[in-house]
C-alpha cells in the first residue's frame, strides 16, 4: 500500500496516478499497472461511494501495492475529512455530529488521536460535497 497525493479521479471513480512510482520494498523498479480494487467509502447521511484504487506490481520483487489517495486512511471506510470533523466536534462539544459513524467508532478515533496513533492533521485534498454529488478537485 502506498499513499499518493498526485492523482485524478475519472468519471467512473477510478483513482488514477499518472506518475511512475518506485517499489517501496526494493526501491529498484517502476511499478506496473495490474488492475483495480474497489473501496466503499461511507460518508455522513448514509451516503456510500465506491472508489476503484489502482494496484501495481513490481516486476523486480513481485510485490503488489495498492495506490491509496491521501483523502482515505490506509484502512477503513471513512474519509480523513469525515474522521477529522467527527473527532474535533466530539472533543469540543461532546456531541455526536453525524448519523454515521457510530458513537463507539468516534470515541475510538478520539482515543487514538489523543494517544498519537491517528494523524488527522495531515494536509489532504478534500472531497467537496454538493447536494450529495461528490466533486473531486485534483491537486
Protein backbone atom coordinates (compact mmCIF):
# COMPACT_ATOMS: atom_id res chain seq x y z
CA UNK A 1 0.00 0.00 0.00
CA UNK A 2 1.32 3.40 -0.94
CA UNK A 3 -0.28 6.77 -0.12
CA UNK A 4 -0.35 9.09 -3.14
CA UNK A 5 -1.07 12.81 -3.30
CA UNK A 6 -0.85 13.34 -7.07
CA UNK A 7 -3.83 11.72 -8.74
CA UNK A 8 -7.06 12.42 -10.52
CA UNK A 9 -10.43 10.70 -10.36
CA UNK A 10 -12.23 9.96 -13.59
CA UNK A 11 -15.99 9.96 -14.16
CA UNK A 12 -16.24 6.28 -13.15
CA UNK A 13 -14.47 6.91 -9.79
CA UNK A 14 -11.17 5.32 -10.81
CA UNK A 15 -8.34 6.89 -8.82
CA UNK A 16 -5.58 7.30 -11.39
CA UNK A 17 -1.95 8.13 -10.73
CA UNK A 18 -0.11 9.33 -13.84
CA UNK A 19 3.33 9.22 -12.25
CA UNK A 20 5.88 6.45 -12.14
CA UNK A 21 6.23 5.10 -8.63
CA UNK A 22 9.20 3.09 -7.42
CA UNK A 23 8.67 -0.01 -5.34
CA UNK A 24 8.75 0.75 -1.59
CA UNK A 25 10.15 -2.74 -0.94
CA UNK A 26 13.15 -2.88 -3.29
CA UNK A 27 13.40 0.80 -4.44
CA UNK A 28 14.54 -0.53 -7.74
CA UNK A 29 11.94 -0.86 -10.46
CA UNK A 30 8.98 1.22 -11.52
CA UNK A 31 5.67 -0.37 -10.62
CA UNK A 32 3.47 -1.58 -13.48
CA UNK A 33 -0.31 -1.42 -13.62
CA UNK A 34 -2.01 -4.67 -12.60
CA UNK A 35 -5.72 -3.96 -12.00
CA UNK A 36 -8.17 -2.04 -9.82
CA UNK A 37 -9.66 -2.96 -6.47
CA UNK A 38 -12.80 -1.39 -5.08
CA UNK A 39 -13.09 0.52 -1.79
CA UNK A 40 -16.50 1.55 -0.48
CA UNK A 41 -16.39 4.82 1.43
CA UNK A 42 -19.15 5.85 3.80
CA UNK A 43 -19.95 9.50 4.36
CA UNK A 44 -22.41 11.24 6.71
CA UNK A 45 -26.13 10.90 5.97
CA UNK A 46 -25.56 7.28 4.91
CA UNK A 47 -24.01 8.21 1.56
CA UNK A 48 -21.82 5.47 0.11
CA UNK A 49 -19.49 5.86 -2.81
CA UNK A 50 -17.25 3.25 -4.42
CA UNK A 51 -13.74 4.17 -5.49
CA UNK A 52 -11.58 1.94 -7.65
CA UNK A 53 -7.99 2.03 -6.44
CA UNK A 54 -5.19 1.12 -8.80
CA UNK A 55 -2.98 -1.81 -7.92
CA UNK A 56 0.51 -2.04 -9.31
CA UNK A 57 3.04 -4.87 -9.32
CA UNK A 58 6.80 -4.64 -9.05
CA UNK A 59 8.48 -6.64 -11.83
CA UNK A 60 11.62 -6.98 -9.71
CA UNK A 61 10.32 -8.40 -6.40
CA UNK A 62 6.75 -9.36 -7.48
CA UNK A 63 5.05 -7.42 -4.68
CA UNK A 64 1.69 -5.75 -5.21
CA UNK A 65 0.92 -2.24 -3.99
CA UNK A 66 -2.45 -0.52 -3.84
CA UNK A 67 -2.26 3.21 -4.54
CA UNK A 68 -4.40 4.91 -1.88
CA UNK A 69 -5.27 8.60 -2.34
CA UNK A 70 -4.45 10.93 0.53
CA UNK A 71 -8.09 11.61 1.44
CA UNK A 72 -8.53 7.97 2.55
CA UNK A 73 -6.83 6.34 5.50
CA UNK A 74 -4.81 3.23 4.59
CA UNK A 75 -7.53 1.05 6.11
CA UNK A 76 -11.08 1.99 6.93
CA UNK A 77 -14.24 3.10 5.23
CA UNK A 78 -14.43 6.83 6.07
CA UNK A 79 -12.54 9.75 4.58
CA UNK A 80 -9.94 11.63 6.61
CA UNK A 81 -12.22 14.69 6.36
CA UNK A 82 -15.14 12.84 7.98
CA UNK A 83 -12.89 11.44 10.70
CA UNK A 84 -11.40 14.87 11.41
CA UNK A 85 -14.80 16.59 11.65
CA UNK A 86 -16.24 13.86 13.89
CA UNK A 87 -13.25 13.81 16.25
CA UNK A 88 -12.92 17.57 16.62
CA UNK A 89 -16.64 18.18 17.04
CA UNK A 90 -16.89 15.41 19.65
CA UNK A 91 -13.80 16.65 21.52
CA UNK A 92 -15.09 20.22 21.75
CA UNK A 93 -18.82 19.65 22.24
CA UNK A 94 -19.08 16.03 23.45
CA UNK A 95 -21.74 15.68 20.79
CA UNK A 96 -22.07 13.15 18.01
CA UNK A 97 -22.38 15.18 14.82
CA UNK A 98 -23.33 12.53 12.29
CA UNK A 99 -25.84 9.79 11.68
CA UNK A 100 -22.84 7.62 10.93
CA UNK A 101 -20.19 6.76 12.07
CA UNK A 102 -21.30 5.02 15.22
CA UNK A 103 -20.58 6.86 18.52
CA UNK A 104 -18.30 3.97 19.57
CA UNK A 105 -16.26 4.49 16.42
CA UNK A 106 -15.94 8.23 17.11
CA UNK A 107 -14.82 7.53 20.69
CA UNK A 108 -12.23 5.05 19.37
CA UNK A 109 -10.95 7.68 16.90
CA UNK A 110 -10.77 10.29 19.70
CA UNK A 111 -8.76 7.95 21.91
CA UNK A 112 -6.40 7.04 19.05
CA UNK A 113 -5.97 10.73 18.18
CA UNK A 114 -5.20 11.69 21.79
CA UNK A 115 -2.67 8.84 22.06
CA UNK A 116 -0.98 9.93 18.81
CA UNK A 117 -1.93 6.80 16.88
CA UNK A 118 -4.23 8.64 14.45
CA UNK A 119 -2.89 11.54 12.41
CA UNK A 120 -5.71 13.84 11.35
CA UNK A 121 -3.53 16.92 10.99
CA UNK A 122 -2.17 15.98 7.57
CA UNK A 123 -2.97 18.13 4.57
CA UNK A 124 -5.32 16.33 2.22
CA UNK A 125 -7.14 17.19 -0.98
CA UNK A 126 -10.71 17.34 0.17
CA UNK A 127 -13.81 15.80 -1.22
CA UNK A 128 -16.31 18.58 -1.85
CA UNK A 129 -19.94 17.63 -1.29
CA UNK A 130 -22.68 19.45 -3.14
CA UNK A 131 -26.23 18.05 -2.97
CA UNK A 132 -24.88 14.52 -2.46
CA UNK A 133 -22.82 14.78 -5.64
CA UNK A 134 -19.14 14.42 -4.99
CA UNK A 135 -16.84 16.71 -6.93
CA UNK A 136 -13.14 15.96 -6.83
CA UNK A 137 -10.57 18.64 -7.35
CA UNK A 138 -7.20 17.23 -8.34
CA UNK A 139 -4.10 18.53 -6.57
